[in-house]
């Protein structure tokens, strides 16, 4: 029971980071195909997709 609070907070943090990543992907200058690919990756694999986008995604 003690660990369930941290699971909820961690899940909320992942959700917030993924929404932030998707907004940044939409705002990027990348082509439409790359944007769709990154968004699908972030949605299908929330943690790994976010980390991949953060480190490998298009930079401004």
Protein backbone atom coordinates (compact mmCIF):
# COMPACT_ATOMS: atom_id res chain seq x y z
CA UNK A 1 0.00 0.00 0.00
CA UNK A 2 2.87 2.40 0.71
CA UNK A 3 4.29 2.14 -2.83
CA UNK A 4 1.01 2.86 -4.62
CA UNK A 5 1.26 6.62 -4.01
CA UNK A 6 4.61 6.72 -5.76
CA UNK A 7 3.26 4.74 -8.70
CA UNK A 8 0.52 7.33 -9.19
CA UNK A 9 2.93 10.24 -8.97
CA UNK A 10 5.35 8.52 -11.35
CA UNK A 11 2.52 7.82 -13.80
CA UNK A 12 1.42 11.45 -13.66
CA UNK A 13 4.99 12.60 -14.26
CA UNK A 14 5.28 10.33 -17.32
CA UNK A 15 1.97 11.68 -18.64
CA UNK A 16 3.05 15.31 -18.20
CA UNK A 17 6.42 14.67 -19.88
CA UNK A 18 4.77 12.86 -22.79
CA UNK A 19 2.25 15.67 -23.35
CA UNK A 20 5.11 18.20 -23.22
CA UNK A 21 7.09 16.14 -25.74
CA UNK A 22 4.11 15.90 -28.11
CA UNK A 23 3.55 19.67 -27.96
CA UNK A 24 7.25 20.25 -28.67
CA UNK A 25 7.14 17.77 -31.56
CA UNK A 26 4.19 19.67 -33.09
CA UNK A 27 6.11 22.95 -32.72
CA UNK A 28 9.32 21.59 -34.25
CA UNK A 29 10.44 22.36 -37.75
CA UNK A 30 10.65 18.68 -38.68
CA UNK A 31 8.70 17.31 -41.60
CA UNK A 32 5.23 15.88 -41.16
CA UNK A 33 6.38 12.29 -41.52
CA UNK A 34 9.01 12.66 -38.81
CA UNK A 35 6.54 14.38 -36.51
CA UNK A 36 4.04 11.55 -36.93
CA UNK A 37 6.75 8.95 -36.32
CA UNK A 38 7.92 10.63 -33.11
CA UNK A 39 4.38 11.11 -31.81
CA UNK A 40 3.49 7.46 -32.48
CA UNK A 41 6.71 6.37 -30.75
CA UNK A 42 5.96 8.52 -27.69
CA UNK A 43 2.36 7.27 -27.52
CA UNK A 44 3.19 3.57 -27.94
CA UNK A 45 6.23 3.56 -25.64
CA UNK A 46 5.70 6.44 -23.19
CA UNK A 47 8.97 6.26 -21.24
CA UNK A 48 11.33 4.89 -23.89
CA UNK A 49 9.73 7.00 -26.62
CA UNK A 50 10.13 10.16 -24.57
CA UNK A 51 13.75 9.39 -23.76
CA UNK A 52 14.57 8.59 -27.39
CA UNK A 53 12.90 11.80 -28.55
CA UNK A 54 14.64 13.84 -25.85
CA UNK A 55 18.11 12.61 -26.77
CA UNK A 56 17.76 11.83 -30.49
CA UNK A 57 14.90 14.00 -31.68
CA UNK A 58 15.22 17.08 -33.84
CA UNK A 59 16.89 20.05 -32.17
CA UNK A 60 16.08 23.69 -32.83
